[in-house]
């Protein structure tokens, strides 16, 4: 019998939520997504050892700081991944720039230029930006330049609508982190998939997009269990960690399609200007808290990455 992972691939684009080369080789996803946390993992991956050593040496020879080497190294890992997947590799703009539209645009342009230096065109890359109002405005400007964007840390319909209005190529709603917040707030240990707040959030966004003919790709992310994934079977894309990919590969149960454009409710469009966006975020404590927490955590991991690179540079 076909396993659940293969069944899922028949209705959804499966993306590997990892920057580890061996995991990508094993699971053969269409796309890869990275962030500072995943790049930190790649630095500990023996399969990436030679690449990391080479890039650190090249950066030192070029007189780059530890931060500069970190920026180049992140692209180098992404470049390695483009050779392993047929689709896109997401690369994140520094989280500390999440409230600076101009700086986010400049950093994204630098990332694309570094990929180009390595012979990789912008059509293979998605620039990841946090779903702040400023990050969404950066995505809008970059999309007009032909640089496709992945607007990440999506926790609300307001963020999803604003991202679609900006013509973002893709959004990443964070299923598990939404569920984590509600479990703590409601004193719950778990939810059935159809009651899961993270699952319900992505289903609402998907329904809104399909009801209004929006082309922006919905990519569910940050899963805590395979039940959440199965409950979103049929979503445009799902980015899944290796542990859960393995679990799905070993699951031979039938996997029904639960999301499809044909089943959209036909809900009306919503106007999302800046004032409305900020009010909707203010009115949603979960979205406000998880967005802020996500930005802080990505920034902390970016700083850890710089420290680790600095230590390796000093050891040369």
Protein backbone atom coordinates (compact mmCIF):
# COMPACT_ATOMS: atom_id res chain seq x y z
CA UNK A 1 0.00 0.00 0.00
CA UNK A 2 1.19 3.54 -0.73
CA UNK A 3 2.47 5.28 2.37
CA UNK A 4 0.98 8.51 3.74
CA UNK A 5 3.92 10.61 2.54
CA UNK A 6 3.51 9.47 -1.06
CA UNK A 7 -0.25 10.02 -0.83
CA UNK A 8 0.38 13.54 0.51
CA UNK A 9 2.77 14.26 -2.36
CA UNK A 10 -0.06 13.46 -4.76
CA UNK A 11 -2.07 16.46 -3.54
CA UNK A 12 0.40 18.82 -1.80
CA UNK A 13 3.92 20.10 -2.51
CA UNK A 14 6.08 18.64 0.27
CA UNK A 15 8.89 20.91 1.50
CA UNK A 16 11.69 19.79 3.82
CA UNK A 17 11.85 21.88 6.99
CA UNK A 18 15.60 21.39 7.33
CA UNK A 19 18.93 22.70 6.12
CA UNK A 20 20.67 19.36 6.61
CA UNK A 21 22.02 17.94 3.36
CA UNK A 22 21.57 14.27 4.27
CA UNK A 23 17.92 14.76 5.26
CA UNK A 24 17.19 16.45 1.95
CA UNK A 25 18.90 13.63 0.06
CA UNK A 26 16.84 11.08 1.99
CA UNK A 27 13.38 12.61 1.65
CA UNK A 28 13.73 14.24 -1.80
CA UNK A 29 11.38 17.20 -1.24
CA UNK A 30 10.43 19.61 -4.01
CA UNK A 31 11.60 22.68 -2.04
CA UNK A 32 13.62 23.43 1.08
CA UNK A 33 13.03 26.10 3.68
CA UNK A 34 15.67 27.46 6.02
CA UNK A 35 15.94 29.87 8.92
CA UNK A 36 18.74 30.65 11.43
CA UNK A 37 17.65 27.74 13.66
CA UNK A 38 17.94 25.31 10.75
CA UNK A 39 21.28 26.74 9.58
CA UNK A 40 22.57 26.22 13.12
CA UNK A 41 21.59 22.57 12.73
CA UNK A 42 23.39 22.39 9.40
CA UNK A 43 26.59 23.63 11.06
CA UNK A 44 26.47 20.52 13.25
CA UNK A 45 25.74 18.25 10.27
CA UNK A 46 28.88 16.27 9.30
CA UNK A 47 27.72 16.23 5.67
CA UNK A 48 28.14 20.02 5.59
CA UNK A 49 31.55 20.05 7.29
CA UNK A 50 33.69 20.53 4.20
CA UNK A 51 31.41 23.26 2.82
CA UNK A 52 31.44 25.17 6.10
CA UNK A 53 35.23 24.97 6.45
CA UNK A 54 35.68 26.14 2.86
CA UNK A 55 33.32 29.09 3.23
CA UNK A 56 34.84 30.23 6.53
CA UNK A 57 38.32 30.16 5.02
CA UNK A 58 37.17 32.04 1.91
CA UNK A 59 35.46 34.64 4.10
CA UNK A 60 38.56 35.12 6.22
CA UNK A 61 40.74 35.43 3.12
CA UNK A 62 38.36 38.11 1.85
CA UNK A 63 38.62 39.99 5.15
CA UNK A 64 34.99 39.49 6.13
CA UNK A 65 33.78 39.84 9.72
CA UNK A 66 32.09 36.93 11.48
CA UNK A 67 28.73 38.50 10.58
CA UNK A 68 29.77 38.80 6.95
CA UNK A 69 30.94 35.20 6.86
CA UNK A 70 27.65 34.12 8.44
CA UNK A 71 25.69 35.92 5.70
CA UNK A 72 27.75 34.23 2.98
CA UNK A 73 27.62 30.86 4.71
CA UNK A 74 23.83 30.94 4.87
CA UNK A 75 23.70 31.45 1.10
CA UNK A 76 26.37 28.77 0.57
CA UNK A 77 24.19 26.21 2.40
CA UNK A 78 21.20 27.35 0.37
CA UNK A 79 23.24 26.99 -2.83
CA UNK A 80 24.16 23.44 -1.85
CA UNK A 81 20.49 22.66 -1.36
CA UNK A 82 19.53 24.00 -4.80
CA UNK A 83 21.53 21.14 -6.27
CA UNK A 84 19.40 18.64 -4.33
CA UNK A 85 15.85 19.92 -4.91
CA UNK A 86 14.10 20.74 -8.18
CA UNK A 87 12.24 23.72 -6.71
CA UNK A 88 13.02 26.65 -4.45
CA UNK A 89 15.21 27.28 -1.43
CA UNK A 90 13.96 29.88 1.04
CA UNK A 91 16.59 32.16 2.59
CA UNK A 92 15.73 34.46 5.46
CA UNK A 93 16.36 38.17 5.82
CA UNK A 94 17.86 38.92 9.25
CA UNK A 95 15.09 39.04 11.86
CA UNK A 96 16.53 42.23 13.37
CA UNK A 97 15.42 44.02 10.18
CA UNK A 98 11.77 43.01 10.57
CA UNK A 99 10.62 46.58 11.26
CA UNK A 100 12.81 48.28 8.64
CA UNK A 101 11.41 48.04 5.12
CA UNK A 102 14.35 49.68 3.33
CA UNK A 103 16.97 47.60 5.15
CA UNK A 104 15.00 44.40 4.50
CA UNK A 105 14.89 45.18 0.79
CA UNK A 106 18.64 45.90 0.71
CA UNK A 107 19.47 42.67 2.56
CA UNK A 108 17.24 40.65 0.23
CA UNK A 109 18.98 42.17 -2.78
CA UNK A 110 22.36 41.23 -1.27
CA UNK A 111 21.18 37.64 -0.78
CA UNK A 112 20.04 37.41 -4.40
CA UNK A 113 23.35 38.93 -5.56
CA UNK A 114 25.33 36.35 -3.56
CA UNK A 115 23.31 33.53 -5.09
CA UNK A 116 23.92 35.03 -8.54
CA UNK A 117 27.65 35.09 -7.81
CA UNK A 118 27.36 31.35 -7.29
CA UNK A 119 25.52 30.88 -10.57
CA UNK A 120 22.05 30.49 -9.05
CA UNK A 121 19.22 32.58 -10.46
CA UNK A 122 16.58 34.33 -8.39
CA UNK A 123 13.95 31.96 -9.81
CA UNK A 124 15.38 29.24 -7.52
CA UNK A 125 15.14 31.35 -4.36
CA UNK A 126 12.42 32.61 -2.05
CA UNK A 127 13.31 35.52 0.24
CA UNK A 128 11.83 34.99 3.70
CA UNK A 129 10.49 38.02 5.54
CA UNK A 130 8.62 38.24 8.84
CA UNK A 131 4.95 39.17 8.49
CA UNK A 132 5.20 42.57 10.13
CA UNK A 133 3.60 45.47 8.24
CA UNK A 134 7.13 46.61 7.31
CA UNK A 135 8.18 43.12 6.22
CA UNK A 136 5.08 42.81 4.03
CA UNK A 137 5.86 46.18 2.42
CA UNK A 138 9.39 44.91 1.68
CA UNK A 139 7.88 41.81 0.08
CA UNK A 140 5.64 44.01 -2.06
CA UNK A 141 8.63 46.00 -3.35
CA UNK A 142 10.73 42.88 -3.97
CA UNK A 143 7.91 41.15 -5.85
CA UNK A 144 7.77 44.15 -8.19
CA UNK A 145 11.50 43.57 -8.85
CA UNK A 146 10.80 39.96 -9.75
CA UNK A 147 12.18 38.59 -6.46
CA UNK A 148 9.70 36.10 -5.04
CA UNK A 149 9.05 36.18 -1.31
CA UNK A 150 8.00 33.81 1.44
CA UNK A 151 6.25 35.84 4.14
CA UNK A 152 6.79 33.86 7.32
CA UNK A 153 5.60 33.87 10.94
CA UNK A 154 1.96 34.05 9.84
CA UNK A 155 -0.40 33.65 12.79
CA UNK A 156 -3.54 35.45 11.63
CA UNK A 157 -5.86 36.00 8.71
CA UNK A 158 -4.94 39.71 8.78
CA UNK A 159 -1.29 38.89 8.06
CA UNK A 160 -2.35 36.48 5.31
CA UNK A 161 -4.62 39.04 3.64
CA UNK A 162 -1.99 41.79 3.79
CA UNK A 163 0.59 39.41 2.29
CA UNK A 164 -1.75 38.47 -0.54
CA UNK A 165 -2.51 42.15 -1.21
CA UNK A 166 1.27 42.64 -1.54
CA UNK A 167 1.38 39.85 -4.15
CA UNK A 168 3.68 37.72 -1.99
CA UNK A 169 4.58 34.50 -3.76
CA UNK A 170 4.07 32.35 -0.65
CA UNK A 171 3.10 32.58 3.03
CA UNK A 172 4.04 30.31 5.93
CA UNK A 173 1.36 30.00 8.63
CA UNK A 174 2.88 28.40 11.76
CA UNK A 175 0.48 25.67 12.83
CA UNK A 176 2.28 24.26 15.86
CA UNK A 177 3.12 27.58 17.43
CA UNK A 178 -0.53 28.64 17.27
CA UNK A 179 -1.51 25.36 18.92
CA UNK A 180 1.17 25.81 21.61
CA UNK A 181 -0.27 29.20 22.57
CA UNK A 182 -3.84 27.92 22.83
CA UNK A 183 -2.83 24.82 24.80
CA UNK A 184 -1.21 27.06 27.39
CA UNK A 185 -4.03 29.63 27.36
CA UNK A 186 -6.80 27.03 27.61
CA UNK A 187 -4.99 24.53 29.84
CA UNK A 188 -5.23 21.79 27.23
CA UNK A 189 -2.85 18.89 26.67
CA UNK A 190 -3.96 18.24 23.12
CA UNK A 191 -6.62 18.80 20.45
CA UNK A 192 -8.27 16.54 17.94
CA UNK A 193 -7.06 17.58 14.46
CA UNK A 194 -10.35 19.19 13.42
CA UNK A 195 -10.42 21.23 16.66
CA UNK A 196 -6.73 22.16 16.57
CA UNK A 197 -6.43 26.00 16.52
CA UNK A 198 -3.36 25.86 14.27
CA UNK A 199 -5.09 23.61 11.77
CA UNK A 200 -8.22 25.77 11.84
CA UNK A 201 -6.15 28.91 11.19
CA UNK A 202 -4.56 27.46 8.05
CA UNK A 203 -7.89 26.11 6.82
CA UNK A 204 -9.42 29.60 7.20
CA UNK A 205 -6.54 31.23 5.28
CA UNK A 206 -6.70 28.58 2.55
CA UNK A 207 -10.47 29.03 2.24
CA UNK A 208 -10.14 32.83 2.03
CA UNK A 209 -7.47 32.59 -0.67
CA UNK A 210 -9.36 30.06 -2.78
CA UNK A 211 -12.65 31.92 -2.33
CA UNK A 212 -11.05 35.07 -3.72
CA UNK A 213 -8.89 33.62 -6.47
CA UNK A 214 -5.64 34.55 -4.72
CA UNK A 215 -2.53 32.99 -6.27
CA UNK A 216 -0.28 33.34 -3.19
CA UNK A 217 0.79 29.86 -2.10
CA UNK A 218 -0.28 28.70 1.39
CA UNK A 219 2.48 26.64 3.00
CA UNK A 220 1.60 25.23 6.41
CA UNK A 221 4.64 25.08 8.72
CA UNK A 222 5.76 24.31 12.27
CA UNK A 223 4.00 21.00 12.88
CA UNK A 224 3.94 19.26 16.24
CA UNK A 225 2.53 15.92 15.05
CA UNK A 226 1.53 14.08 11.90
CA UNK A 227 -2.17 14.49 12.74
CA UNK A 228 -1.88 18.21 12.05
CA UNK A 229 -0.29 17.46 8.68
CA UNK A 230 -2.96 14.95 7.70
CA UNK A 231 -5.66 17.45 8.66
CA UNK A 232 -4.24 19.84 6.04
CA UNK A 233 -3.85 17.30 3.23
CA UNK A 234 -4.44 19.18 -0.01
CA UNK A 235 -2.99 22.49 1.21
CA UNK A 236 -0.81 24.05 -1.50
CA UNK A 237 2.49 23.32 0.30
CA UNK A 238 3.46 21.84 3.67
CA UNK A 239 6.95 22.18 5.12
CA UNK A 240 7.70 19.19 7.33
CA UNK A 241 10.59 18.29 9.65
CA UNK A 242 12.53 15.05 8.94
CA UNK A 243 11.13 13.25 12.00
CA UNK A 244 7.55 13.75 10.79
CA UNK A 245 8.47 12.95 7.18
CA UNK A 246 9.80 9.64 8.47
CA UNK A 247 6.61 9.03 10.45
CA UNK A 248 4.46 9.66 7.36
CA UNK A 249 6.67 7.41 5.26
CA UNK A 250 6.05 4.56 7.70
CA UNK A 251 2.29 5.16 7.85
CA UNK A 252 0.27 3.02 5.40
CA UNK A 253 -3.20 4.31 6.35
CA UNK A 254 -5.40 5.94 3.72
CA UNK A 255 -4.96 9.72 3.56
CA UNK A 256 -8.07 11.59 2.30
CA UNK A 257 -7.81 15.03 0.76
CA UNK A 258 -9.36 17.57 3.13
CA UNK A 259 -8.54 20.88 1.41
CA UNK A 260 -9.33 21.69 -2.21
CA UNK A 261 -10.16 24.87 -4.16
CA UNK A 262 -13.47 23.36 -5.25
CA UNK A 263 -14.70 23.30 -1.65
CA UNK A 264 -14.03 27.00 -0.93
CA UNK A 265 -16.88 28.74 0.88
CA UNK A 266 -16.93 31.80 -1.38
CA UNK A 267 -16.38 34.27 1.46
CA UNK A 268 -16.12 37.95 0.53
CA UNK A 269 -12.83 39.85 0.30
CA UNK A 270 -11.67 41.98 3.24
CA UNK A 271 -9.94 45.37 2.90
CA UNK A 272 -6.63 45.36 4.80
CA UNK A 273 -4.98 48.78 5.06
CA UNK A 274 -2.29 49.60 7.64
CA UNK A 275 -4.69 50.84 10.30
CA UNK A 276 -6.87 47.74 9.96
CA UNK A 277 -3.85 45.44 10.00
CA UNK A 278 -2.44 46.98 13.17
CA UNK A 279 -5.83 46.92 14.87
CA UNK A 280 -6.44 43.27 13.96
CA UNK A 281 -3.00 42.31 15.28
CA UNK A 282 -3.60 44.31 18.46
CA UNK A 283 -6.94 42.54 18.94
CA UNK A 284 -5.32 39.10 18.61
CA UNK A 285 -3.01 38.42 21.57
CA UNK A 286 -1.90 35.06 20.16
CA UNK A 287 -0.80 36.54 16.83
CA UNK A 288 0.88 39.52 18.48
CA UNK A 289 2.77 37.41 21.03
CA UNK A 290 3.82 34.64 18.65
CA UNK A 291 5.00 37.06 15.96
CA UNK A 292 7.13 38.98 18.47
CA UNK A 293 8.45 35.75 20.00
CA UNK A 294 9.29 34.30 16.58
CA UNK A 295 11.25 37.39 15.56
CA UNK A 296 13.14 37.39 18.88
CA UNK A 297 13.98 33.69 18.58
CA UNK A 298 15.17 33.94 14.98
CA UNK A 299 17.32 36.90 15.97
CA UNK A 300 18.76 34.98 18.94
CA UNK A 301 19.65 32.06 16.67
CA UNK A 302 21.21 34.42 14.14
CA UNK A 303 23.40 35.85 16.90
CA UNK A 304 24.33 32.31 18.03
CA UNK A 305 25.27 31.55 14.43
CA UNK A 306 27.56 34.59 14.28
CA UNK A 307 29.17 33.60 17.59
CA UNK A 308 29.76 30.04 16.39
CA UNK A 309 31.29 31.26 13.13
CA UNK A 310 33.50 33.69 15.07
CA UNK A 311 34.74 30.83 17.25
CA UNK A 312 35.58 28.73 14.21
CA UNK A 313 37.33 31.65 12.56
CA UNK A 314 39.41 32.22 15.71
CA UNK A 315 40.36 28.55 15.79
CA UNK A 316 41.90 28.70 12.28
